[in-house]
Amino acid sequence: AVEFLNKMRIDSKTPGLQYMIFNSDSILFEYNGGMSDLGDKARIRQRTTFTAYSVTKTFTALAILQLAEAGKLNIEDNAKLYLGYLPYSRNFTINELLNHTSGLPNPIPLKWIHLIEEHEEFDYRAFRRMIVYKYDKLKNTPGKKYSYSNIGYLLLGEIIETASGQEYRTYIRENIIDKLMLPENAYLGFEILDTTEHARGYIRKTSFMNFWLNFIFDKDKFLEESRYGWSQFRFLYVNGDSYGGLIGNATGFAIYLQSLLSDTLLLSDPSKAKLFNSQQTTNGKTSEMCLGWFTGKLGDEVYFAHPGGGGGYYCEIRLYPGLNIASVILFNRTGSGNEKVLDDIDKIFLGK
């Protein structure tokens, strides 16, 4: 595994990465390698944090089911019951938001970012309303078709706020992150607490995606000088916390995943079964989604997973409940879609 991960770095697939595979009780293997900052020649350490992007959606889905357990919402409720301002012509349920069958569109979210120095003044609520009113037409009939949507999870964040009476970040911190009692070397949160401990994000200078970014956002604003063939992002935040704002390191995500494997600290067993239940569209087709999690197989072993990718970072988390094993990988290079990198690495340990 060390040789495989070293080769991945050396072949210039990423400046640096963290990888961890573990069961509910202990770490089976851990890797921290490469550079967190090419300019300063700072190395990836266990404490180094990364932007996790869409992995955040698993926390949002978990929070919704916690609120359902507490009787503060019902996932079959129409979203408009909590967000009366919604402009859409058809109603969709909270459950349809969770499993991406709401019919909401999914415009490219790469430009939905702001610099760290803009963060204190950034108006999250104004951004949310702007997006909803700008993209006020449904793409599909609710319930009929799976279609991934960041806007759906933007709305789920607001539903969490309405049902709980707390800001989204506060709810997630108090009801998920704080309960995990993370040790000093672990981090999960929504703040870059120390820029020297947060990996710099990179994109391959000669890649098509780097060229494509010219048409997405102001590269002079968000990118700095290039180093060793990599263009370096300035420190930034995602505009919408509930679809992609989470920041963390492998140790933090490992403790989160261990809890989902082994106990009911965050969610009861019946609610966990609902969280990981494959969904169906109204025409009877089985979706690749559960509630906030993708499902798949490595060999004959069922897993639940979520990738997270965007400007400067790419990551994946995965649970193998039949084996009582989970894994996480974090890169400080730009990624998108579901690359399923863990297929190649996890099989070394799973014997697949």
Protein backbone atom coordinates (compact mmCIF):
# COMPACT_ATOMS: atom_id res chain seq x y z
CA ALA A 1 0.00 0.00 0.00
CA VAL A 2 2.83 2.42 0.81
CA GLU A 3 4.43 1.72 -2.57
CA PHE A 4 1.09 2.19 -4.34
CA LEU A 5 0.41 5.54 -2.64
CA ASN A 6 3.99 6.74 -3.14
CA LYS A 7 3.71 5.93 -6.83
CA MET A 8 0.44 7.85 -7.04
CA ARG A 9 2.21 10.95 -5.74
CA ILE A 10 5.40 10.48 -7.72
CA ASP A 11 3.41 10.08 -10.94
CA SER A 12 2.18 13.62 -10.23
CA LYS A 13 -1.41 12.67 -9.58
CA THR A 14 -1.37 14.88 -6.47
CA PRO A 15 1.08 17.02 -4.47
CA GLY A 16 0.02 15.23 -1.28
CA LEU A 17 -2.56 12.96 0.31
CA GLN A 18 -3.84 11.30 3.45
CA TYR A 19 -5.28 7.78 3.48
CA MET A 20 -6.63 5.69 6.32
CA ILE A 21 -8.40 2.32 6.54
CA PHE A 22 -9.79 1.07 9.84
CA ASN A 23 -12.40 -1.00 11.61
CA SER A 24 -14.71 0.17 14.37
CA ASP A 25 -12.00 -0.26 17.01
CA SER A 26 -8.61 0.48 15.48
CA ILE A 27 -6.60 1.89 12.59
CA LEU A 28 -5.44 -0.83 10.15
CA PHE A 29 -3.20 1.40 8.03
CA GLU A 30 -2.45 5.13 7.82
CA TYR A 31 -0.54 7.15 5.23
CA ASN A 32 0.40 10.85 5.25
CA GLY A 33 2.59 11.72 2.28
CA GLY A 34 3.67 14.45 -0.06
CA MET A 35 3.50 18.21 0.21
CA SER A 36 0.82 20.41 1.74
CA ASP A 37 2.51 23.54 0.35
CA LEU A 38 4.88 23.28 -2.62
CA GLY A 39 6.17 26.80 -2.14
CA ASP A 40 7.10 26.42 1.52
CA LYS A 41 7.96 22.72 1.03
CA ALA A 42 5.67 21.91 3.96
CA ARG A 43 4.82 18.23 4.24
CA ILE A 44 1.47 16.56 4.77
CA ARG A 45 1.15 15.59 8.42
CA GLN A 46 -1.50 13.76 10.41
CA ARG A 47 -2.90 17.12 11.57
CA THR A 48 -3.09 18.61 8.04
CA THR A 49 -6.65 19.52 7.03
CA PHE A 50 -8.34 19.48 3.61
CA THR A 51 -11.53 20.91 2.15
CA ALA A 52 -13.95 17.97 1.87
CA TYR A 53 -16.54 19.50 -0.47
CA SER A 54 -19.52 17.16 -1.08
CA VAL A 55 -18.59 14.70 1.68
CA THR A 56 -20.42 17.34 3.73
CA LYS A 57 -23.70 15.99 2.35
CA THR A 58 -23.41 12.90 4.56
CA PHE A 59 -23.40 15.19 7.63
CA THR A 60 -26.40 17.12 6.31
CA ALA A 61 -28.35 13.90 5.71
CA LEU A 62 -27.43 12.63 9.17
CA ALA A 63 -28.65 15.88 10.74
CA ILE A 64 -32.00 15.62 8.93
CA LEU A 65 -32.55 12.10 10.29
CA GLN A 66 -31.55 13.24 13.79
CA LEU A 67 -34.24 15.93 13.59
CA ALA A 68 -36.73 13.35 12.34
CA GLU A 69 -35.90 11.16 15.36
CA ALA A 70 -36.50 14.15 17.62
CA GLY A 71 -39.92 14.72 16.02
CA LYS A 72 -38.93 18.12 14.65
CA LEU A 73 -39.63 17.15 11.02
CA ASN A 74 -40.84 14.28 8.86
CA ILE A 75 -38.78 13.39 5.80
CA GLU A 76 -41.99 12.86 3.81
CA ASP A 77 -43.01 16.47 4.47
CA ASN A 78 -43.00 18.87 1.55
CA ALA A 79 -39.95 21.16 1.71
CA LYS A 80 -42.25 24.15 1.26
CA LEU A 81 -43.70 23.46 4.71
CA TYR A 82 -40.35 24.68 6.12
CA LEU A 83 -39.31 27.03 3.30
CA GLY A 84 -42.45 28.88 2.32
CA TYR A 85 -40.65 31.18 -0.12
CA LEU A 86 -39.68 28.44 -2.57
CA PRO A 87 -40.67 29.50 -6.11
CA TYR A 88 -40.94 26.06 -7.70
CA SER A 89 -44.15 25.06 -9.50
CA ARG A 90 -44.24 21.56 -7.99
CA ASN A 91 -43.74 20.37 -4.43
CA PHE A 92 -40.93 18.02 -3.47
CA THR A 93 -40.33 16.28 -0.18
CA ILE A 94 -37.36 16.36 2.19
CA ASN A 95 -36.75 12.72 1.26
CA GLU A 96 -36.56 13.67 -2.43
CA LEU A 97 -34.00 16.33 -1.58
CA LEU A 98 -31.96 13.75 0.34
CA ASN A 99 -31.91 11.20 -2.48
CA HIS A 100 -31.55 13.70 -5.35
CA THR A 101 -34.94 13.07 -6.96
CA SER A 102 -36.40 16.52 -6.23
CA GLY A 103 -36.04 17.61 -9.85
CA LEU A 104 -33.86 20.60 -8.91
CA PRO A 105 -31.16 21.64 -11.40
CA ASN A 106 -27.44 21.39 -10.69
CA PRO A 107 -25.52 24.33 -12.13
CA ILE A 108 -21.73 24.10 -11.95
CA PRO A 109 -20.81 24.92 -8.33
CA LEU A 110 -17.06 25.52 -8.90
CA LYS A 111 -17.59 29.29 -8.93
CA TRP A 112 -19.57 29.25 -5.68
CA ILE A 113 -16.52 30.10 -3.57
CA HIS A 114 -15.02 33.09 -1.78
CA LEU A 115 -11.56 33.92 -0.45
CA ILE A 116 -10.64 33.45 3.19
CA GLU A 117 -10.30 37.23 3.63
CA GLU A 118 -13.90 37.66 2.41
CA HIS A 119 -15.30 35.07 4.78
CA GLU A 120 -16.22 37.25 7.73
CA GLU A 121 -18.41 39.49 5.56
CA PHE A 122 -19.87 36.76 3.34
CA ASP A 123 -23.69 36.63 3.48
CA TYR A 124 -24.59 32.92 3.34
CA ARG A 125 -28.36 33.52 3.46
CA ALA A 126 -28.27 36.08 0.66
CA PHE A 127 -26.29 33.63 -1.48
CA ARG A 128 -28.83 30.89 -0.81
CA ARG A 129 -31.79 33.06 -1.84
CA MET A 130 -29.96 34.30 -4.92
CA ILE A 131 -29.33 30.74 -6.10
CA VAL A 132 -32.92 29.64 -5.51
CA TYR A 133 -34.41 32.57 -7.43
CA LYS A 134 -31.84 32.34 -10.22
CA TYR A 135 -32.54 28.63 -10.76
CA ASP A 136 -36.27 28.64 -10.12
CA LYS A 137 -37.32 26.01 -12.68
CA LEU A 138 -37.32 22.29 -11.98
CA LYS A 139 -35.37 20.05 -14.34
CA ASN A 140 -37.51 16.95 -13.73
CA THR A 141 -40.80 15.96 -12.13
CA PRO A 142 -40.11 15.37 -8.40
CA GLY A 143 -39.61 11.72 -7.55
CA LYS A 144 -39.38 10.55 -11.14
CA LYS A 145 -35.64 10.60 -11.82
CA TYR A 146 -32.34 10.62 -9.95
CA SER A 147 -30.43 13.82 -10.74
CA TYR A 148 -27.67 15.05 -8.42
CA SER A 149 -28.22 18.57 -7.13
CA ASN A 150 -26.13 20.79 -4.85
CA ILE A 151 -29.08 23.16 -4.65
CA GLY A 152 -31.08 20.39 -2.98
CA TYR A 153 -28.54 20.18 -0.16
CA LEU A 154 -28.38 23.95 0.07
CA LEU A 155 -32.11 23.82 0.87
CA LEU A 156 -31.65 20.95 3.33
CA GLY A 157 -29.25 23.16 5.28
CA GLU A 158 -31.96 25.79 5.59
CA ILE A 159 -34.52 23.16 6.62
CA ILE A 160 -32.14 22.09 9.40
CA GLU A 161 -32.00 25.71 10.56
CA THR A 162 -35.79 26.11 10.45
CA ALA A 163 -36.52 22.84 12.27
CA SER A 164 -33.77 23.14 14.89
CA GLY A 165 -33.75 26.90 15.48
CA GLN A 166 -29.95 26.88 15.13
CA GLU A 167 -27.58 27.95 12.37
CA TYR A 168 -26.49 25.03 10.25
CA ARG A 169 -22.86 25.11 11.39
CA THR A 170 -23.89 25.31 15.04
CA TYR A 171 -26.25 22.37 14.71
CA ILE A 172 -23.65 20.17 12.99
CA ARG A 173 -20.97 21.09 15.51
CA GLU A 174 -23.11 20.48 18.61
CA ASN A 175 -25.01 17.39 17.43
CA ILE A 176 -22.40 15.55 15.38
CA ILE A 177 -18.83 16.85 15.70
CA ASP A 178 -18.78 17.63 19.44
CA LYS A 179 -20.36 14.26 20.24
CA LEU A 180 -17.40 12.51 18.61
CA MET A 181 -15.03 14.03 21.20
CA LEU A 182 -12.23 14.36 18.68
CA PRO A 183 -8.65 14.22 19.98
CA GLU A 184 -6.21 17.05 19.38
CA ASN A 185 -4.79 15.56 16.17
CA ALA A 186 -8.26 15.21 14.58
CA TYR A 187 -10.38 17.93 13.00
CA LEU A 188 -13.85 18.31 11.53
CA GLY A 189 -15.44 21.72 11.15
CA PHE A 190 -16.16 24.63 8.86
CA GLU A 191 -13.19 26.88 9.58
CA ILE A 192 -9.58 26.97 8.42
CA LEU A 193 -8.24 27.41 11.93
CA ASP A 194 -4.58 27.66 10.92
CA THR A 195 -3.45 28.21 7.32
CA THR A 196 -0.12 26.54 8.13
CA GLU A 197 -2.02 23.33 8.96
CA HIS A 198 -4.41 23.46 5.97
CA ALA A 199 -3.16 21.89 2.75
CA ARG A 200 -2.83 24.24 -0.19
CA GLY A 201 -5.14 23.30 -3.05
CA TYR A 202 -3.66 22.68 -6.52
CA ILE A 203 -4.65 22.01 -10.10
CA ARG A 204 -2.40 20.60 -12.82
CA LYS A 205 -1.24 23.64 -14.83
CA THR A 206 -1.50 21.89 -18.21
CA SER A 207 -4.80 20.12 -17.55
CA PHE A 208 -7.99 20.69 -19.53
CA MET A 209 -9.78 21.54 -16.29
CA ASN A 210 -7.32 24.36 -15.61
CA PHE A 211 -8.05 25.76 -19.07
CA TRP A 212 -11.79 25.32 -18.47
CA LEU A 213 -11.59 27.37 -15.25
CA ASN A 214 -10.99 30.43 -17.45
CA PHE A 215 -14.68 30.26 -18.29
CA ILE A 216 -15.88 29.57 -14.72
CA PHE A 217 -14.35 32.21 -12.45
CA ASP A 218 -11.69 34.89 -12.19
CA LYS A 219 -8.48 32.88 -12.08
CA ASP A 220 -6.45 35.96 -11.20
CA LYS A 221 -8.52 36.24 -8.03
CA PHE A 222 -8.50 32.60 -6.91
CA LEU A 223 -5.19 31.24 -8.26
CA GLU A 224 -1.64 32.20 -7.38
CA GLU A 225 1.67 31.37 -9.06
CA SER A 226 2.42 27.94 -10.46
CA ARG A 227 4.97 25.63 -8.84
CA TYR A 228 6.43 22.43 -10.24
CA GLY A 229 3.68 22.17 -12.83
CA TRP A 230 0.84 22.87 -10.39
CA SER A 231 -1.26 26.06 -10.18
CA GLN A 232 -1.90 26.98 -6.56
CA PHE A 233 -5.25 28.12 -5.19
CA ARG A 234 -5.51 30.86 -2.62
CA PHE A 235 -7.20 29.80 0.62
CA LEU A 236 -10.94 29.79 0.04
CA TYR A 237 -14.32 28.73 1.40
CA VAL A 238 -17.38 27.22 -0.24
CA ASN A 239 -20.40 29.54 -0.36
CA GLY A 240 -22.86 26.87 0.78
CA ASP A 241 -21.90 25.07 3.99
CA SER A 242 -24.54 22.34 3.79
CA TYR A 243 -23.61 20.98 0.37
CA GLY A 244 -19.82 21.32 0.52
CA GLY A 245 -18.36 23.45 3.31
CA LEU A 246 -16.83 20.83 5.59
CA ILE A 247 -13.11 20.84 6.37
CA GLY A 248 -11.27 17.97 8.04
CA ASN A 249 -8.47 15.45 8.11
CA ALA A 250 -8.37 11.68 7.80
CA THR A 251 -8.26 11.16 11.56
CA GLY A 252 -11.40 13.24 12.04
CA PHE A 253 -13.31 11.46 9.29
CA ALA A 254 -12.14 8.08 10.61
CA ILE A 255 -13.70 8.75 14.02
CA TYR A 256 -16.93 9.88 12.33
CA LEU A 257 -17.07 6.71 10.20
CA GLN A 258 -16.17 4.47 13.14
CA SER A 259 -19.19 5.85 14.99
CA LEU A 260 -21.46 5.03 12.05
CA LEU A 261 -20.04 1.49 11.99
CA SER A 262 -20.18 0.68 15.65
CA ASP A 263 -22.60 2.61 17.84
CA THR A 264 -25.73 4.71 18.12
CA LEU A 265 -24.01 7.86 19.38
CA LEU A 266 -25.10 9.89 16.34
CA LEU A 267 -28.15 7.97 15.13
CA SER A 268 -30.30 5.04 16.25
CA ASP A 269 -30.06 1.72 14.43
CA PRO A 270 -33.50 2.11 12.77
CA SER A 271 -32.52 5.57 11.49
CA LYS A 272 -29.16 4.27 10.27
CA ALA A 273 -31.01 1.56 8.36
CA LYS A 274 -33.12 4.28 6.74
CA LEU A 275 -30.00 6.34 5.97
CA PHE A 276 -28.39 3.46 4.09
CA ASN A 277 -31.51 2.13 2.36
CA SER A 278 -31.33 2.18 -1.45
CA GLN A 279 -33.94 4.52 -2.88
CA GLN A 280 -36.41 4.06 -5.69
CA THR A 281 -37.91 6.56 -8.11
CA THR A 282 -41.67 6.77 -8.56
CA ASN A 283 -41.43 4.61 -11.68
CA GLY A 284 -39.89 1.78 -9.66
CA LYS A 285 -36.24 2.15 -10.67
CA THR A 286 -33.63 1.56 -7.98
CA SER A 287 -31.36 4.57 -7.56
CA GLU A 288 -27.62 4.52 -6.91
CA MET A 289 -28.36 6.73 -3.91
CA CYS A 290 -29.38 6.09 -0.34
CA LEU A 291 -30.07 9.16 1.82
CA GLY A 292 -26.98 11.28 1.26
CA TRP A 293 -24.78 8.27 0.41
CA PHE A 294 -23.96 6.46 -2.82
CA THR A 295 -24.03 2.69 -2.79
CA GLY A 296 -21.83 0.31 -4.77
CA LYS A 297 -19.81 -2.89 -4.70
CA LEU A 298 -16.11 -3.70 -4.56
CA GLY A 299 -16.02 -7.28 -5.73
CA ASP A 300 -19.01 -8.77 -3.95
CA GLU A 301 -18.76 -6.43 -0.95
CA VAL A 302 -21.44 -3.74 -0.65
CA TYR A 303 -20.22 -0.29 0.36
CA PHE A 304 -21.68 3.15 1.07
CA ALA A 305 -19.61 6.12 -0.02
CA HIS A 306 -19.47 9.77 -0.96
CA PRO A 307 -16.88 11.67 -3.00
CA GLY A 308 -16.14 15.36 -2.66
CA GLY A 309 -14.37 17.36 -5.33
CA GLY A 310 -13.81 20.92 -6.46
CA GLY A 311 -11.16 23.58 -6.84
CA GLY A 312 -7.95 22.38 -5.19
CA TYR A 313 -9.19 19.23 -3.44
CA TYR A 314 -10.69 15.78 -3.96
CA CYS A 315 -11.68 13.20 -1.35
CA GLU A 316 -13.70 10.04 -0.75
CA ILE A 317 -15.14 8.33 2.32
CA ARG A 318 -16.43 4.76 2.33
CA LEU A 319 -18.11 2.25 4.68
CA TYR A 320 -18.06 -1.55 4.27
CA PRO A 321 -20.61 -2.53 6.94
CA GLY A 322 -20.43 -6.26 6.14
CA LEU A 323 -16.72 -6.21 7.00
CA ASN A 324 -16.92 -3.62 9.79
CA ILE A 325 -14.32 -1.59 7.86
CA ALA A 326 -14.22 1.97 6.52
CA SER A 327 -11.72 4.16 4.67
CA VAL A 328 -11.00 7.75 3.73
CA ILE A 329 -8.67 9.43 1.24
CA LEU A 330 -7.95 13.17 0.91
CA PHE A 331 -6.00 14.87 -1.90
CA ASN A 332 -4.90 18.49 -2.28
CA ARG A 333 -5.49 18.43 -6.04
CA THR A 334 -8.58 19.40 -7.98
CA GLY A 335 -11.09 16.65 -8.67
CA SER A 336 -14.67 16.22 -9.80
CA GLY A 337 -17.28 13.53 -10.14
CA ASN A 338 -16.87 10.12 -8.52
CA GLU A 339 -13.38 8.84 -9.32
CA LYS A 340 -13.66 5.76 -7.07
CA VAL A 341 -9.99 5.99 -6.15
CA LEU A 342 -10.67 3.84 -3.08
CA ASP A 343 -11.46 0.86 -5.32
CA ASP A 344 -7.77 0.49 -6.17
CA ILE A 345 -6.40 1.08 -2.67
CA ASP A 346 -8.96 -0.62 -0.43
CA LYS A 347 -8.77 -3.90 -2.35
CA ILE A 348 -5.17 -4.27 -1.19
CA PHE A 349 -6.52 -4.67 2.36
CA LEU A 350 -9.83 -6.35 1.57
CA GLY A 351 -8.30 -9.01 -0.65
CA LYS A 352 -10.65 -8.18 -3.53
